[in-house]
Amino acid sequence: MPTPVVTLSLQFARFPTVSVHRQALARHTVARCIKHALQADVQSLEITVRIVDEAEGRALNTSYRHKDYATNVLTFDYSAAPHVSCDIVLCAPVVEKEARDNRKTLADHYAHLLVHGVLHAQGFDHETSPADAEVMEALEVQILTQLGMANPYATNP
């Protein structure tokens, strides 16, 4: 099976701590996480990953999900396999707080959310049923293990 062609645009909004987030999200690391999350039926992926501040994250979540708060990750999927096209928006302050609260590195938490977002773009959804959530979470754990990362759903000691 041929390796999927991945076209990646990595964007960072301007905000005070952007350098910390740039350091946690090296382009090659983002590409690696994305490629590991692709399922067998994907031939190509065109993806924009945008790291935003709280104001932009909140505005997008309010506009598209009608929820008036900034969330960690938003996925906008435009086309399905075999040629997936999507945007993933990660809200830096939310991701940073969650990583700190869960005693995870910022890079590992971003990796988890990238995998999560790419799975959403391929049709996986944890909000449709408990069974769908189990499938998606198990897949996330499997992918993150392949990337050398711990289970993000494991309880911290």
Protein backbone atom coordinates (compact mmCIF):
# COMPACT_ATOMS: atom_id res chain seq x y z
CA MET A 1 0.00 0.00 0.00
CA PRO A 2 1.48 3.41 -0.99
CA THR A 3 2.21 5.99 1.68
CA PRO A 4 -0.44 8.75 1.76
CA VAL A 5 0.59 12.14 0.42
CA VAL A 6 0.30 14.74 3.19
CA THR A 7 0.17 18.46 2.48
CA LEU A 8 0.55 20.35 5.77
CA SER A 9 0.16 24.03 6.53
CA LEU A 10 1.18 24.81 10.12
CA GLN A 11 0.07 28.25 11.31
CA PHE A 12 0.56 30.12 14.57
CA ALA A 13 -1.53 33.13 15.53
CA ARG A 14 0.24 35.96 17.31
CA PHE A 15 -0.03 35.79 21.09
CA PRO A 16 2.40 36.41 23.97
CA THR A 17 3.53 32.80 24.59
CA VAL A 18 3.59 31.63 20.98
CA SER A 19 7.30 30.72 21.17
CA VAL A 20 6.55 28.05 23.81
CA HIS A 21 3.95 26.51 21.52
CA ARG A 22 6.18 26.68 18.44
CA GLN A 23 8.82 24.78 20.40
CA ALA A 24 6.32 22.06 21.39
CA LEU A 25 5.04 21.75 17.82
CA ALA A 26 8.01 21.27 15.53
CA ARG A 27 6.78 20.76 11.97
CA HIS A 28 8.31 17.28 11.67
CA THR A 29 6.60 16.21 14.92
CA VAL A 30 3.22 17.50 13.74
CA ALA A 31 3.64 15.66 10.43
CA ARG A 32 4.62 12.45 12.23
CA CYS A 33 1.54 12.54 14.49
CA ILE A 34 -0.75 13.24 11.55
CA LYS A 35 0.69 10.44 9.41
CA HIS A 36 0.34 7.89 12.22
CA ALA A 37 -3.33 8.82 12.61
CA LEU A 38 -4.21 8.17 8.97
CA GLN A 39 -6.31 5.09 8.32
CA ALA A 40 -5.64 2.58 5.54
CA ASP A 41 -8.22 4.04 3.12
CA VAL A 42 -6.58 7.48 3.00
CA GLN A 43 -4.53 8.21 -0.11
CA SER A 44 -3.94 11.89 0.56
CA LEU A 45 -4.47 14.48 3.26
CA GLU A 46 -4.55 18.23 2.86
CA ILE A 47 -4.50 19.75 6.34
CA THR A 48 -4.07 23.11 7.98
CA VAL A 49 -3.16 23.06 11.67
CA ARG A 50 -3.63 26.45 13.30
CA ILE A 51 -2.60 27.32 16.85
CA VAL A 52 -4.72 30.17 18.22
CA ASP A 53 -5.19 32.29 21.32
CA GLU A 54 -8.23 32.12 23.57
CA ALA A 55 -10.17 34.88 21.78
CA GLU A 56 -9.91 33.20 18.37
CA GLY A 57 -10.63 29.76 19.84
CA ARG A 58 -13.72 31.08 21.61
CA ALA A 59 -14.97 32.92 18.52
CA LEU A 60 -14.64 29.79 16.36
CA ASN A 61 -16.30 27.53 18.95
CA THR A 62 -19.14 30.03 19.35
CA SER A 63 -19.63 30.43 15.59
CA TYR A 64 -19.47 26.78 14.62
CA ARG A 65 -20.58 24.82 17.69
CA HIS A 66 -22.67 27.50 19.43
CA LYS A 67 -20.67 27.00 22.63
CA ASP A 68 -19.38 30.23 24.13
CA TYR A 69 -15.97 29.13 25.39
CA ALA A 70 -12.58 28.23 23.98
CA THR A 71 -12.13 24.47 23.55
CA ASN A 72 -8.89 22.53 23.11
CA VAL A 73 -9.38 21.29 19.53
CA LEU A 74 -11.78 21.96 16.69
CA THR A 75 -11.85 19.89 13.51
CA PHE A 76 -13.32 21.15 10.27
CA ASP A 77 -13.53 18.33 7.75
CA TYR A 78 -14.24 19.14 4.11
CA SER A 79 -13.77 15.85 2.26
CA ALA A 80 -13.52 12.20 3.27
CA ALA A 81 -11.25 9.33 2.31
CA PRO A 82 -9.57 8.58 0.06
CA HIS A 83 -8.70 12.31 -0.24
CA VAL A 84 -9.18 13.94 3.16
CA SER A 85 -9.16 17.71 3.51
CA CYS A 86 -9.49 19.41 6.90
CA ASP A 87 -8.49 22.19 9.24
CA ILE A 88 -7.58 21.56 12.86
CA VAL A 89 -7.59 24.47 15.29
CA LEU A 90 -5.82 24.08 18.64
CA CYS A 91 -6.33 26.70 21.35
CA ALA A 92 -2.93 27.24 22.96
CA PRO A 93 -4.05 28.50 26.41
CA VAL A 94 -6.55 25.66 26.81
CA VAL A 95 -4.05 23.02 25.67
CA GLU A 96 -1.38 24.45 27.99
CA LYS A 97 -3.74 24.44 31.01
CA GLU A 98 -4.92 20.88 30.32
CA ALA A 99 -1.34 19.64 29.97
CA ARG A 100 -0.36 21.29 33.25
CA ASP A 101 -3.50 20.05 35.08
CA ASN A 102 -2.92 16.49 33.84
CA ARG A 103 0.85 16.56 34.46
CA LYS A 104 1.66 15.93 30.80
CA THR A 105 4.20 17.64 28.61
CA LEU A 106 2.82 20.25 26.29
CA ALA A 107 4.26 18.35 23.31
CA ASP A 108 2.56 15.08 24.34
CA HIS A 109 -0.79 16.77 24.87
CA TYR A 110 -0.55 18.45 21.48
CA ALA A 111 0.30 15.07 19.92
CA HIS A 112 -2.81 13.54 21.47
CA LEU A 113 -5.03 16.37 20.24
CA LEU A 114 -3.54 16.21 16.74
CA VAL A 115 -4.28 12.49 16.56
CA HIS A 116 -7.76 13.14 17.99
CA GLY A 117 -8.46 15.85 15.41
CA VAL A 118 -7.21 13.81 12.46
CA LEU A 119 -9.40 10.89 13.54
CA HIS A 120 -12.39 13.25 13.65
CA ALA A 121 -11.55 14.38 10.11
CA GLN A 122 -11.77 10.74 9.04
CA GLY A 123 -15.24 10.28 10.48
CA PHE A 124 -14.55 9.03 14.00
CA ASP A 125 -16.74 10.61 16.67
CA HIS A 126 -16.70 10.09 20.43
CA GLU A 127 -19.91 12.06 20.99
CA THR A 128 -22.31 9.84 19.03
CA SER A 129 -22.38 6.92 21.49
CA PRO A 130 -20.38 5.30 24.29
CA ALA A 131 -19.38 2.50 21.87
CA ASP A 132 -18.07 5.03 19.32
CA ALA A 133 -16.16 6.79 22.10
CA GLU A 134 -14.52 3.49 23.11
CA VAL A 135 -13.49 2.78 19.52
CA MET A 136 -12.01 6.25 19.05
CA GLU A 137 -10.20 6.28 22.40
CA ALA A 138 -8.73 2.80 21.79
CA LEU A 139 -7.47 3.94 18.40
CA GLU A 140 -5.93 7.07 19.95
CA VAL A 141 -4.15 4.97 22.58
CA GLN A 142 -2.85 2.58 19.90
CA ILE A 143 -1.54 5.43 17.72
CA LEU A 144 0.06 7.27 20.63
CA THR A 145 1.73 4.03 21.76
CA GLN A 146 3.21 3.70 18.26
CA LEU A 147 4.51 7.25 18.70
CA GLY A 148 6.13 6.25 22.01
CA MET A 149 3.65 8.10 24.23
CA ALA A 150 1.65 7.05 27.26
CA ASN A 151 -2.09 6.40 27.33
CA PRO A 152 -3.67 9.87 27.64
CA TYR A 153 -6.72 8.36 29.34
CA ALA A 154 -4.78 6.66 32.12
CA THR A 155 -5.34 8.16 35.55
CA ASN A 156 -2.41 10.15 36.88
CA PRO A 157 -0.89 8.88 40.14
